[in-house]
Amino acid sequence: MKLLDAILFSVALALTVVGIHQTMVNGIGFSYSLFMFAVGLLFWCQLRRNKARESIKSETKKPVNSKKPLKKR
């Protein structure tokens, strides 16, 4: 996990905890934006993870074998 991914996940988790607290104190109307921002950060974190996995898979692909016979020396 990269540093930015860890920071995004930590901020999303903190916003969720603060949103839960604000829901208990003031109601869901006041904490709705906190929850939506946390969900947006989680989506962004997941998107970054998927792109990293795809780039790793594309780097580790084997080269395509050609159908030409090898030349003998």
PDB file of N, CA and C in Angstrom:
ATOM      1  N   MET A   1       0.855  -1.170   0.000  1.00  0.00           N
ATOM      2  CA  MET A   1       0.000   0.000   0.000  1.00  0.00           C
ATOM      3  C   MET A   1       0.900   1.231   0.000  1.00  0.00           C
ATOM      4  N   LYS A   2       0.644   2.109  -0.906  1.00  0.00           N
ATOM      5  CA  LYS A   2       1.419   3.344  -1.007  1.00  0.00           C
ATOM      6  C   LYS A   2       0.991   4.320   0.090  1.00  0.00           C
ATOM      7  N   LEU A   3       1.802   5.329   0.287  1.00  0.00           N
ATOM      8  CA  LEU A   3       1.535   6.313   1.334  1.00  0.00           C
ATOM      9  C   LEU A   3       0.225   7.056   1.077  1.00  0.00           C
ATOM     10  N   LEU A   4      -0.007   7.462  -0.170  1.00  0.00           N
ATOM     11  CA  LEU A   4      -1.232   8.192  -0.484  1.00  0.00           C
ATOM     12  C   LEU A   4      -2.463   7.318  -0.256  1.00  0.00           C
ATOM     13  N   ASP A   5      -2.355   6.029  -0.589  1.00  0.00           N
ATOM     14  CA  ASP A   5      -3.475   5.121  -0.339  1.00  0.00           C
ATOM     15  C   ASP A   5      -3.762   4.989   1.154  1.00  0.00           C
ATOM     16  N   ALA A   6      -2.720   4.904   1.949  1.00  0.00           N
ATOM     17  CA  ALA A   6      -2.889   4.808   3.403  1.00  0.00           C
ATOM     18  C   ALA A   6      -3.507   6.079   3.968  1.00  0.00           C
ATOM     19  N   ILE A   7      -3.087   7.225   3.441  1.00  0.00           N
ATOM     20  CA  ILE A   7      -3.642   8.495   3.911  1.00  0.00           C
ATOM     21  C   ILE A   7      -5.113   8.612   3.527  1.00  0.00           C
ATOM     22  N   LEU A   8      -5.452   8.254   2.285  1.00  0.00           N
ATOM     23  CA  LEU A   8      -6.850   8.310   1.846  1.00  0.00           C
ATOM     24  C   LEU A   8      -7.735   7.416   2.702  1.00  0.00           C
ATOM     25  N   PHE A   9      -7.250   6.199   2.958  1.00  0.00           N
ATOM     26  CA  PHE A   9      -8.044   5.268   3.756  1.00  0.00           C
ATOM     27  C   PHE A   9      -8.195   5.771   5.191  1.00  0.00           C
ATOM     28  N   SER A  10      -7.135   6.332   5.750  1.00  0.00           N
ATOM     29  CA  SER A  10      -7.195   6.843   7.129  1.00  0.00           C
ATOM     30  C   SER A  10      -8.150   8.030   7.248  1.00  0.00           C
ATOM     31  N   VAL A  11      -8.104   8.924   6.284  1.00  0.00           N
ATOM     32  CA  VAL A  11      -8.998  10.081   6.319  1.00  0.00           C
ATOM     33  C   VAL A  11     -10.451   9.630   6.148  1.00  0.00           C
ATOM     34  N   ALA A  12     -10.686   8.660   5.264  1.00  0.00           N
ATOM     35  CA  ALA A  12     -12.048   8.147   5.084  1.00  0.00           C
ATOM     36  C   ALA A  12     -12.555   7.503   6.373  1.00  0.00           C
ATOM     37  N   LEU A  13     -11.703   6.758   7.038  1.00  0.00           N
ATOM     38  CA  LEU A  13     -12.095   6.135   8.301  1.00  0.00           C
ATOM     39  C   LEU A  13     -12.371   7.189   9.374  1.00  0.00           C
ATOM     40  N   ALA A  14     -11.529   8.222   9.440  1.00  0.00           N
ATOM     41  CA  ALA A  14     -11.738   9.290  10.425  1.00  0.00           C
ATOM     42  C   ALA A  14     -13.037  10.042  10.145  1.00  0.00           C
ATOM     43  N   LEU A  15     -13.325  10.318   8.869  1.00  0.00           N
ATOM     44  CA  LEU A  15     -14.579  11.001   8.529  1.00  0.00           C
ATOM     45  C   LEU A  15     -15.792  10.147   8.879  1.00  0.00           C
ATOM     46  N   THR A  16     -15.666   8.849   8.733  1.00  0.00           N
ATOM     47  CA  THR A  16     -16.769   7.960   9.105  1.00  0.00           C
ATOM     48  C   THR A  16     -17.020   8.015  10.611  1.00  0.00           C
ATOM     49  N   VAL A  17     -15.945   7.986  11.388  1.00  0.00           N
ATOM     50  CA  VAL A  17     -16.099   8.055  12.851  1.00  0.00           C
ATOM     51  C   VAL A  17     -16.697   9.396  13.261  1.00  0.00           C
ATOM     52  N   VAL A  18     -16.219  10.481  12.681  1.00  0.00           N
ATOM     53  CA  VAL A  18     -16.769  11.806  12.999  1.00  0.00           C
ATOM     54  C   VAL A  18     -18.221  11.894  12.550  1.00  0.00           C
ATOM     55  N   GLY A  19     -18.534  11.299  11.400  1.00  0.00           N
ATOM     56  CA  GLY A  19     -19.915  11.292  10.916  1.00  0.00           C
ATOM     57  C   GLY A  19     -20.847  10.539  11.848  1.00  0.00           C
ATOM     58  N   ILE A  20     -20.370   9.427  12.377  1.00  0.00           N
ATOM     59  CA  ILE A  20     -21.188   8.668  13.340  1.00  0.00           C
ATOM     60  C   ILE A  20     -21.421   9.501  14.597  1.00  0.00           C
ATOM     61  N   HIS A  21     -20.391  10.158  15.060  1.00  0.00           N
ATOM     62  CA  HIS A  21     -20.547  11.007  16.255  1.00  0.00           C
ATOM     63  C   HIS A  21     -21.542  12.139  15.986  1.00  0.00           C
ATOM     64  N   GLN A  22     -21.410  12.804  14.840  1.00  0.00           N
ATOM     65  CA  GLN A  22     -22.315  13.902  14.516  1.00  0.00           C
ATOM     66  C   GLN A  22     -23.746  13.409  14.317  1.00  0.00           C
ATOM     67  N   THR A  23     -23.906  12.189  13.841  1.00  0.00           N
ATOM     68  CA  THR A  23     -25.251  11.622  13.691  1.00  0.00           C
ATOM     69  C   THR A  23     -25.904  11.441  15.054  1.00  0.00           C
ATOM     70  N   MET A  24     -25.122  10.958  16.023  1.00  0.00           N
ATOM     71  CA  MET A  24     -25.688  10.747  17.354  1.00  0.00           C
ATOM     72  C   MET A  24     -25.987  12.068  18.053  1.00  0.00           C
ATOM     73  N   VAL A  25     -25.210  13.097  17.772  1.00  0.00           N
ATOM     74  CA  VAL A  25     -25.389  14.386  18.442  1.00  0.00           C
ATOM     75  C   VAL A  25     -26.444  15.234  17.739  1.00  0.00           C
ATOM     76  N   ASN A  26     -26.309  15.413  16.417  1.00  0.00           N
ATOM     77  CA  ASN A  26     -27.145  16.370  15.696  1.00  0.00           C
ATOM     78  C   ASN A  26     -28.161  15.742  14.743  1.00  0.00           C
ATOM     79  N   GLY A  27     -27.955  14.512  14.367  1.00  0.00           N
ATOM     80  CA  GLY A  27     -28.848  13.878  13.410  1.00  0.00           C
ATOM     81  C   GLY A  27     -28.159  13.661  12.064  1.00  0.00           C
ATOM     82  N   ILE A  28     -28.798  12.872  11.233  1.00  0.00           N
ATOM     83  CA  ILE A  28     -28.191  12.469   9.970  1.00  0.00           C
ATOM     84  C   ILE A  28     -28.083  13.629   8.989  1.00  0.00           C
ATOM     85  N   GLY A  29     -28.936  14.607   9.081  1.00  0.00           N
ATOM     86  CA  GLY A  29     -28.900  15.734   8.158  1.00  0.00           C
ATOM     87  C   GLY A  29     -27.615  16.534   8.250  1.00  0.00           C
ATOM     88  N   PHE A  30     -27.047  16.636   9.430  1.00  0.00           N
ATOM     89  CA  PHE A  30     -25.824  17.406   9.620  1.00  0.00           C
ATOM     90  C   PHE A  30     -24.570  16.597   9.260  1.00  0.00           C
ATOM     91  N   SER A  31     -24.678  15.286   9.264  1.00  0.00           N
ATOM     92  CA  SER A  31     -23.491  14.465   9.008  1.00  0.00           C
ATOM     93  C   SER A  31     -23.506  13.805   7.633  1.00  0.00           C
ATOM     94  N   TYR A  32     -24.515  14.072   6.842  1.00  0.00           N
ATOM     95  CA  TYR A  32     -24.635  13.449   5.524  1.00  0.00           C
ATOM     96  C   TYR A  32     -23.427  13.778   4.642  1.00  0.00           C
ATOM     97  N   SER A  33     -22.986  15.021   4.646  1.00  0.00           N
ATOM     98  CA  SER A  33     -21.856  15.412   3.801  1.00  0.00           C
ATOM     99  C   SER A  33     -20.563  14.717   4.230  1.00  0.00           C
ATOM    100  N   LEU A  34     -20.399  14.488   5.527  1.00  0.00           N
ATOM    101  CA  LEU A  34     -19.221  13.758   5.999  1.00  0.00           C
ATOM    102  C   LEU A  34     -19.212  12.333   5.469  1.00  0.00           C
ATOM    103  N   PHE A  35     -20.364  11.680   5.517  1.00  0.00           N
ATOM    104  CA  PHE A  35     -20.454  10.306   5.005  1.00  0.00           C
ATOM    105  C   PHE A  35     -20.211  10.253   3.498  1.00  0.00           C
ATOM    106  N   MET A  36     -20.765  11.189   2.765  1.00  0.00           N
ATOM    107  CA  MET A  36     -20.586  11.187   1.310  1.00  0.00           C
ATOM    108  C   MET A  36     -19.125  11.456   0.930  1.00  0.00           C
ATOM    109  N   PHE A  37     -18.462  12.336   1.649  1.00  0.00           N
ATOM    110  CA  PHE A  37     -17.055  12.599   1.391  1.00  0.00           C
ATOM    111  C   PHE A  37     -16.208  11.365   1.713  1.00  0.00           C
ATOM    112  N   ALA A  38     -16.545  10.657   2.796  1.00  0.00           N
ATOM    113  CA  ALA A  38     -15.834   9.428   3.166  1.00  0.00           C
ATOM    114  C   ALA A  38     -16.032   8.348   2.099  1.00  0.00           C
ATOM    115  N   VAL A  39     -17.235   8.209   1.591  1.00  0.00           N
ATOM    116  CA  VAL A  39     -17.500   7.223   0.545  1.00  0.00           C
ATOM    117  C   VAL A  39     -16.743   7.583  -0.729  1.00  0.00           C
ATOM    118  N   GLY A  40     -16.693   8.861  -1.060  1.00  0.00           N
ATOM    119  CA  GLY A  40     -15.925   9.300  -2.227  1.00  0.00           C
ATOM    120  C   GLY A  40     -14.446   8.971  -2.091  1.00  0.00           C
ATOM    121  N   LEU A  41     -13.881   9.181  -0.917  1.00  0.00           N
ATOM    122  CA  LEU A  41     -12.482   8.838  -0.690  1.00  0.00           C
ATOM    123  C   LEU A  41     -12.252   7.335  -0.782  1.00  0.00           C
ATOM    124  N   LEU A  42     -13.196   6.540  -0.291  1.00  0.00           N
ATOM    125  CA  LEU A  42     -13.064   5.089  -0.400  1.00  0.00           C
ATOM    126  C   LEU A  42     -13.117   4.636  -1.854  1.00  0.00           C
ATOM    127  N   PHE A  43     -13.989   5.239  -2.652  1.00  0.00           N
ATOM    128  CA  PHE A  43     -14.043   4.907  -4.073  1.00  0.00           C
ATOM    129  C   PHE A  43     -12.727   5.267  -4.761  1.00  0.00           C
ATOM    130  N   TRP A  44     -12.172   6.424  -4.416  1.00  0.00           N
ATOM    131  CA  TRP A  44     -10.915   6.861  -5.015  1.00  0.00           C
ATOM    132  C   TRP A  44      -9.775   5.908  -4.629  1.00  0.00           C
ATOM    133  N   CYS A  45      -9.769   5.482  -3.376  1.00  0.00           N
ATOM    134  CA  CYS A  45      -8.752   4.547  -2.903  1.00  0.00           C
ATOM    135  C   CYS A  45      -8.864   3.216  -3.647  1.00  0.00           C
ATOM    136  N   GLN A  46     -10.076   2.738  -3.838  1.00  0.00           N
ATOM    137  CA  GLN A  46     -10.295   1.484  -4.555  1.00  0.00           C
ATOM    138  C   GLN A  46      -9.881   1.620  -6.023  1.00  0.00           C
ATOM    139  N   LEU A  47     -10.159   2.745  -6.640  1.00  0.00           N
ATOM    140  CA  LEU A  47      -9.762   2.985  -8.024  1.00  0.00           C
ATOM    141  C   LEU A  47      -8.245   2.955  -8.162  1.00  0.00           C
ATOM    142  N   ARG A  48      -7.538   3.571  -7.218  1.00  0.00           N
ATOM    143  CA  ARG A  48      -6.076   3.557  -7.251  1.00  0.00           C
ATOM    144  C   ARG A  48      -5.537   2.143  -7.079  1.00  0.00           C
ATOM    145  N   ARG A  49      -6.143   1.347  -6.213  1.00  0.00           N
ATOM    146  CA  ARG A  49      -5.702  -0.037  -6.024  1.00  0.00           C
ATOM    147  C   ARG A  49      -5.907  -0.859  -7.291  1.00  0.00           C
ATOM    148  N   ASN A  50      -7.055  -0.695  -7.938  1.00  0.00           N
ATOM    149  CA  ASN A  50      -7.323  -1.451  -9.159  1.00  0.00           C
ATOM    150  C   ASN A  50      -6.362  -1.070 -10.274  1.00  0.00           C
ATOM    151  N   LYS A  51      -6.044   0.209 -10.411  1.00  0.00           N
ATOM    152  CA  LYS A  51      -5.090   0.640 -11.437  1.00  0.00           C
ATOM    153  C   LYS A  51      -3.703   0.084 -11.150  1.00  0.00           C
ATOM    154  N   ALA A  52      -3.312   0.033  -9.884  1.00  0.00           N
ATOM    155  CA  ALA A  52      -2.005  -0.520  -9.530  1.00  0.00           C
ATOM    156  C   ALA A  52      -1.953  -2.009  -9.846  1.00  0.00           C
ATOM    157  N   ARG A  53      -3.026  -2.733  -9.572  1.00  0.00           N
ATOM    158  CA  ARG A  53      -3.069  -4.169  -9.892  1.00  0.00           C
ATOM    159  C   ARG A  53      -2.994  -4.402 -11.386  1.00  0.00           C
ATOM    160  N   GLU A  54      -3.696  -3.596 -12.169  1.00  0.00           N
ATOM    161  CA  GLU A  54      -3.661  -3.751 -13.625  1.00  0.00           C
ATOM    162  C   GLU A  54      -2.274  -3.458 -14.178  1.00  0.00           C
ATOM    163  N   SER A  55      -1.590  -2.462 -13.642  1.00  0.00           N
ATOM    164  CA  SER A  55      -0.253  -2.147 -14.141  1.00  0.00           C
ATOM    165  C   SER A  55       0.733  -3.257 -13.793  1.00  0.00           C
ATOM    166  N   ILE A  56       0.569  -3.881 -12.628  1.00  0.00           N
ATOM    167  CA  ILE A  56       1.438  -4.993 -12.251  1.00  0.00           C
ATOM    168  C   ILE A  56       1.181  -6.190 -13.168  1.00  0.00           C
ATOM    169  N   LYS A  57      -0.086  -6.458 -13.469  1.00  0.00           N
ATOM    170  CA  LYS A  57      -0.406  -7.581 -14.353  1.00  0.00           C
ATOM    171  C   LYS A  57       0.126  -7.347 -15.762  1.00  0.00           C
ATOM    172  N   SER A  58       0.066  -6.134 -16.255  1.00  0.00           N
ATOM    173  CA  SER A  58       0.542  -5.862 -17.604  1.00  0.00           C
ATOM    174  C   SER A  58       2.068  -5.949 -17.687  1.00  0.00           C
ATOM    175  N   GLU A  59       2.762  -5.647 -16.601  1.00  0.00           N
ATOM    176  CA  GLU A  59       4.218  -5.747 -16.593  1.00  0.00           C
ATOM    177  C   GLU A  59       4.691  -7.189 -16.544  1.00  0.00           C
ATOM    178  N   THR A  60       3.917  -8.071 -15.928  1.00  0.00           N
ATOM    179  CA  THR A  60       4.352  -9.452 -15.748  1.00  0.00           C
ATOM    180  C   THR A  60       3.864 -10.391 -16.846  1.00  0.00           C
ATOM    181  N   LYS A  61       3.220  -9.873 -17.867  1.00  0.00           N
ATOM    182  CA  LYS A  61       2.768 -10.732 -18.959  1.00  0.00           C
ATOM    183  C   LYS A  61       3.969 -11.282 -19.719  1.00  0.00           C
ATOM    184  N   LYS A  62       3.846 -12.530 -20.161  1.00  0.00           N
ATOM    185  CA  LYS A  62       4.913 -13.160 -20.910  1.00  0.00           C
ATOM    186  C   LYS A  62       4.863 -12.676 -22.357  1.00  0.00           C
ATOM    187  N   PRO A  63       6.027 -12.604 -22.997  1.00  0.00           N
ATOM    188  CA  PRO A  63       6.018 -12.205 -24.403  1.00  0.00           C
ATOM    189  C   PRO A  63       5.376 -13.281 -25.277  1.00  0.00           C
ATOM    190  N   VAL A  64       4.823 -12.856 -26.361  1.00  0.00           N
ATOM    191  CA  VAL A  64       4.144 -13.777 -27.270  1.00  0.00           C
ATOM    192  C   VAL A  64       5.198 -14.529 -28.071  1.00  0.00           C
ATOM    193  N   ASN A  65       5.051 -15.848 -28.123  1.00  0.00           N
ATOM    194  CA  ASN A  65       5.973 -16.659 -28.902  1.00  0.00           C
ATOM    195  C   ASN A  65       5.623 -16.556 -30.374  1.00  0.00           C
ATOM    196  N   SER A  66       6.639 -16.371 -31.204  1.00  0.00           N
ATOM    197  CA  SER A  66       6.387 -16.310 -32.635  1.00  0.00           C
ATOM    198  C   SER A  66       6.330 -17.720 -33.201  1.00  0.00           C
ATOM    199  N   LYS A  67       5.657 -17.885 -34.317  1.00  0.00           N
ATOM    200  CA  LYS A  67       5.507 -19.198 -34.920  1.00  0.00           C
ATOM    201  C   LYS A  67       6.655 -19.520 -35.891  1.00  0.00           C
ATOM    202  N   LYS A  68       7.590 -18.607 -36.035  1.00  0.00           N
ATOM    203  CA  LYS A  68       8.719 -18.834 -36.918  1.00  0.00           C
ATOM    204  C   LYS A  68       9.699 -19.796 -36.240  1.00  0.00           C
ATOM    205  N   PRO A  69      10.240 -20.727 -37.009  1.00  0.00           N
ATOM    206  CA  PRO A  69      11.215 -21.638 -36.402  1.00  0.00           C
ATOM    207  C   PRO A  69      12.538 -20.912 -36.131  1.00  0.00           C
ATOM    208  N   LEU A  70      13.250 -21.388 -35.145  1.00  0.00           N
ATOM    209  CA  LEU A  70      14.522 -20.801 -34.806  1.00  0.00           C
ATOM    210  C   LEU A  70      15.560 -21.140 -35.864  1.00  0.00           C
ATOM    211  N   LYS A  71      16.427 -20.206 -36.159  1.00  0.00           N
ATOM    212  CA  LYS A  71      17.479 -20.444 -37.136  1.00  0.00           C
ATOM    213  C   LYS A  71      18.629 -21.199 -36.478  1.00  0.00           C
ATOM    214  N   LYS A  72      19.096 -22.216 -37.156  1.00  0.00           N
ATOM    215  CA  LYS A  72      20.235 -22.975 -36.657  1.00  0.00           C
ATOM    216  C   LYS A  72      21.499 -22.341 -37.168  1.00  0.00           C
ATOM    217  N   ARG A  73      22.511 -22.334 -36.348  1.00  0.00           N
ATOM    218  CA  ARG A  73      23.785 -21.728 -36.760  1.00  0.00           C
ATOM    219  C   ARG A  73      24.702 -22.747 -37.335  1.00  0.00           C
TER     220      ARG A  73
END
